[in-house]
Amino acid sequence: MTAVAEFQPLSLCVLTVSDTRTAQNDTSGDWLCDALREAGHRLHERAISRDDRYAMRAIVSRWIADAAVDGVIVTGGTGFTGRDSTPEALLPLLDKEMPGFGELFRAISFDEIGTSTLQSRAFAGLANATFVFALPGSTSACRTAWEKIISAQLDARTKPCNLAHLKPRLKE
């Protein structure tokens, strides 16, 4: 008989990248915070940053330097407009990229939005043993990423393997 892993709550941060969102109208950030809490995780901190690579890099750098933070979820700034700079800001912070996340996100999104998914530069990776996920800014994209990828990978009970189970070994 195989032992079943128990749920291990993680401490997560949520960053919304937008020049127009505020605490009053940040529906994507609200949705992510609610979803991670409903899954049993802890919200360590939440922030909103203008779409400026140095401002968002400073916030995420602080979070990944904090040993109490297990993961960071960023929503917004992953498109192609002139102000979209989340990949340029955060990819340099990663120790390891997780190419499968962006590939899987776009494959799943194709069923929802068709070829428009090619405009997404969603990505994920690891920085100082902290998981970093960068999602598009729409609430539906955040829902897709959380419900179909992230929630299962941050749950130690997901078989055959998951990111949560790797957490203790990330600094080896």
Protein backbone atom coordinates (compact mmCIF):
# COMPACT_ATOMS: atom_id res chain seq x y z
CA MET A 1 0.00 0.00 0.00
CA THR A 2 1.36 3.43 -0.98
CA ALA A 3 1.26 6.34 1.43
CA VAL A 4 -0.81 9.27 0.22
CA ALA A 5 0.93 12.63 0.45
CA GLU A 6 -0.76 15.25 2.59
CA PHE A 7 -1.58 18.73 1.40
CA GLN A 8 1.20 21.19 2.25
CA PRO A 9 0.05 24.83 2.24
CA LEU A 10 2.47 27.15 0.50
CA SER A 11 3.06 30.84 1.10
CA LEU A 12 2.35 32.72 -2.14
CA CYS A 13 2.57 36.31 -3.34
CA VAL A 14 0.43 37.88 -6.06
CA LEU A 15 1.58 40.80 -8.20
CA THR A 16 -0.67 42.58 -10.68
CA VAL A 17 1.22 44.45 -13.38
CA SER A 18 -0.90 47.24 -14.83
CA ASP A 19 -0.93 50.96 -15.46
CA THR A 20 -4.70 51.08 -14.88
CA ARG A 21 -5.58 48.56 -12.15
CA THR A 22 -6.12 49.63 -8.57
CA ALA A 23 -7.09 47.77 -5.40
CA GLN A 24 -10.71 48.59 -6.30
CA ASN A 25 -10.73 47.12 -9.83
CA ASP A 26 -8.03 44.40 -9.85
CA THR A 27 -10.31 41.50 -10.73
CA SER A 28 -7.47 39.19 -11.80
CA GLY A 29 -5.51 39.75 -8.60
CA ASP A 30 -8.67 39.33 -6.54
CA TRP A 31 -9.49 36.08 -8.32
CA LEU A 32 -5.97 34.65 -7.82
CA CYS A 33 -5.91 35.57 -4.12
CA ASP A 34 -9.31 33.96 -3.57
CA ALA A 35 -8.34 30.84 -5.55
CA LEU A 36 -5.08 30.23 -3.71
CA ARG A 37 -6.78 30.68 -0.33
CA GLU A 38 -9.63 28.35 -1.33
CA ALA A 39 -7.00 25.75 -2.29
CA GLY A 40 -5.55 26.00 1.23
CA HIS A 41 -2.47 28.13 0.53
CA ARG A 42 -1.51 31.32 2.38
CA LEU A 43 -1.36 34.77 0.77
CA HIS A 44 1.97 36.16 1.97
CA GLU A 45 1.67 39.51 0.21
CA ARG A 46 -0.10 41.20 -2.67
CA ALA A 47 0.96 44.20 -4.72
CA ILE A 48 0.07 46.19 -7.81
CA SER A 49 2.86 47.66 -9.93
CA ARG A 50 2.80 49.89 -12.96
CA ASP A 51 4.07 48.21 -16.10
CA ASP A 52 7.66 49.25 -15.48
CA ARG A 53 10.33 46.55 -15.57
CA TYR A 54 12.37 48.02 -12.72
CA ALA A 55 9.41 48.57 -10.39
CA MET A 56 8.11 45.03 -10.84
CA ARG A 57 11.61 43.54 -10.70
CA ALA A 58 12.17 45.25 -7.33
CA ILE A 59 8.98 43.78 -5.87
CA VAL A 60 9.57 40.27 -7.17
CA SER A 61 13.26 40.39 -6.17
CA ARG A 62 12.24 41.19 -2.60
CA TRP A 63 9.79 38.29 -2.55
CA ILE A 64 12.20 35.73 -3.99
CA ALA A 65 14.84 36.82 -1.45
CA ASP A 66 12.37 36.10 1.39
CA ALA A 67 12.77 32.51 2.61
CA ALA A 68 9.15 32.56 3.82
CA VAL A 69 7.84 32.89 0.23
CA ASP A 70 7.33 29.66 -1.73
CA GLY A 71 5.90 31.14 -4.91
CA VAL A 72 5.03 34.28 -6.82
CA ILE A 73 2.17 34.63 -9.28
CA VAL A 74 2.29 37.66 -11.57
CA THR A 75 -0.65 38.69 -13.71
CA GLY A 76 -0.30 41.18 -16.56
CA GLY A 77 2.33 42.57 -18.87
CA THR A 78 2.90 39.40 -20.88
CA GLY A 79 1.46 40.62 -24.18
CA PHE A 80 3.00 42.46 -27.14
CA THR A 81 2.10 46.09 -26.59
CA GLY A 82 4.82 48.65 -26.03
CA ARG A 83 4.20 48.71 -22.26
CA ASP A 84 4.14 44.91 -21.80
CA SER A 85 7.47 44.15 -20.11
CA THR A 86 6.93 41.38 -17.56
CA PRO A 87 9.12 38.82 -19.39
CA GLU A 88 11.91 41.36 -19.87
CA ALA A 89 11.70 42.32 -16.18
CA LEU A 90 11.49 38.89 -14.61
CA LEU A 91 13.21 36.36 -16.87
CA PRO A 92 16.65 37.68 -15.81
CA LEU A 93 15.77 36.82 -12.19
CA LEU A 94 15.18 33.13 -12.90
CA ASP A 95 17.76 30.50 -12.05
CA LYS A 96 15.86 27.97 -14.15
CA GLU A 97 13.11 28.41 -16.70
CA MET A 98 10.15 26.05 -16.92
CA PRO A 99 9.40 26.09 -20.67
CA GLY A 100 6.69 23.46 -20.33
CA PHE A 101 4.48 25.89 -18.40
CA GLY A 102 4.19 28.44 -21.20
CA GLU A 103 3.84 25.71 -23.80
CA LEU A 104 1.08 23.96 -21.84
CA PHE A 105 -0.69 27.23 -21.04
CA ARG A 106 -0.81 28.20 -24.71
CA ALA A 107 -1.96 24.70 -25.74
CA ILE A 108 -4.82 24.79 -23.23
CA SER A 109 -5.67 28.38 -24.13
CA PHE A 110 -5.95 27.45 -27.81
CA ASP A 111 -9.17 25.59 -27.01
CA GLU A 112 -10.53 28.74 -25.36
CA ILE A 113 -9.30 31.62 -27.55
CA GLY A 114 -7.93 30.00 -30.70
CA THR A 115 -4.86 31.40 -32.38
CA SER A 116 -4.96 34.52 -30.19
CA THR A 117 -3.02 32.41 -27.69
CA LEU A 118 0.16 33.02 -29.70
CA GLN A 119 0.16 36.56 -28.33
CA SER A 120 0.75 35.26 -24.80
CA ARG A 121 4.27 35.32 -23.43
CA ALA A 122 3.25 33.52 -20.22
CA PHE A 123 6.18 31.77 -18.53
CA ALA A 124 7.32 30.17 -15.30
CA GLY A 125 10.53 29.26 -13.58
CA LEU A 126 12.50 29.03 -10.40
CA ALA A 127 14.38 31.84 -8.60
CA ASN A 128 16.14 31.22 -5.28
CA ALA A 129 13.98 28.11 -4.69
CA THR A 130 10.84 30.20 -5.29
CA PHE A 131 8.37 29.31 -8.02
CA VAL A 132 7.54 32.21 -10.33
CA PHE A 133 4.53 32.13 -12.66
CA ALA A 134 3.79 35.00 -15.08
CA LEU A 135 0.27 35.02 -16.53
CA PRO A 136 -1.69 37.27 -18.85
CA GLY A 137 -3.72 40.01 -17.20
CA SER A 138 -7.22 38.78 -18.02
CA THR A 139 -9.17 37.08 -15.27
CA SER A 140 -10.11 34.23 -17.62
CA ALA A 141 -6.43 33.58 -18.41
CA CYS A 142 -5.63 33.55 -14.68
CA ARG A 143 -8.47 31.10 -14.11
CA THR A 144 -7.22 28.84 -16.90
CA ALA A 145 -3.65 28.85 -15.60
CA TRP A 146 -4.66 28.26 -11.98
CA GLU A 147 -7.39 25.67 -12.51
CA LYS A 148 -5.70 23.65 -15.24
CA ILE A 149 -2.00 23.86 -14.31
CA ILE A 150 -0.82 25.73 -11.23
CA SER A 151 -3.21 24.46 -8.54
CA ALA A 152 -2.36 20.83 -9.27
CA GLN A 153 1.36 21.47 -9.42
CA LEU A 154 1.32 23.32 -6.08
CA ASP A 155 -0.55 20.42 -4.45
CA ALA A 156 1.72 17.72 -2.98
CA ARG A 157 -1.03 15.13 -3.57
CA THR A 158 -0.85 15.45 -7.38
CA LYS A 159 0.54 12.26 -8.94
CA PRO A 160 2.84 11.20 -10.44
CA CYS A 161 4.77 14.34 -9.46
CA ASN A 162 4.31 18.00 -8.59
CA LEU A 163 6.28 21.13 -7.82
CA ALA A 164 5.22 21.24 -4.16
CA HIS A 165 6.88 17.89 -3.55
CA LEU A 166 10.16 19.25 -4.97
CA LYS A 167 10.22 22.30 -2.66
CA PRO A 168 12.48 20.74 0.02
CA ARG A 169 15.05 19.73 -2.62
CA LEU A 170 15.30 22.97 -4.58
CA LYS A 171 18.41 24.25 -2.80
CA GLU A 172 20.39 20.99 -3.09
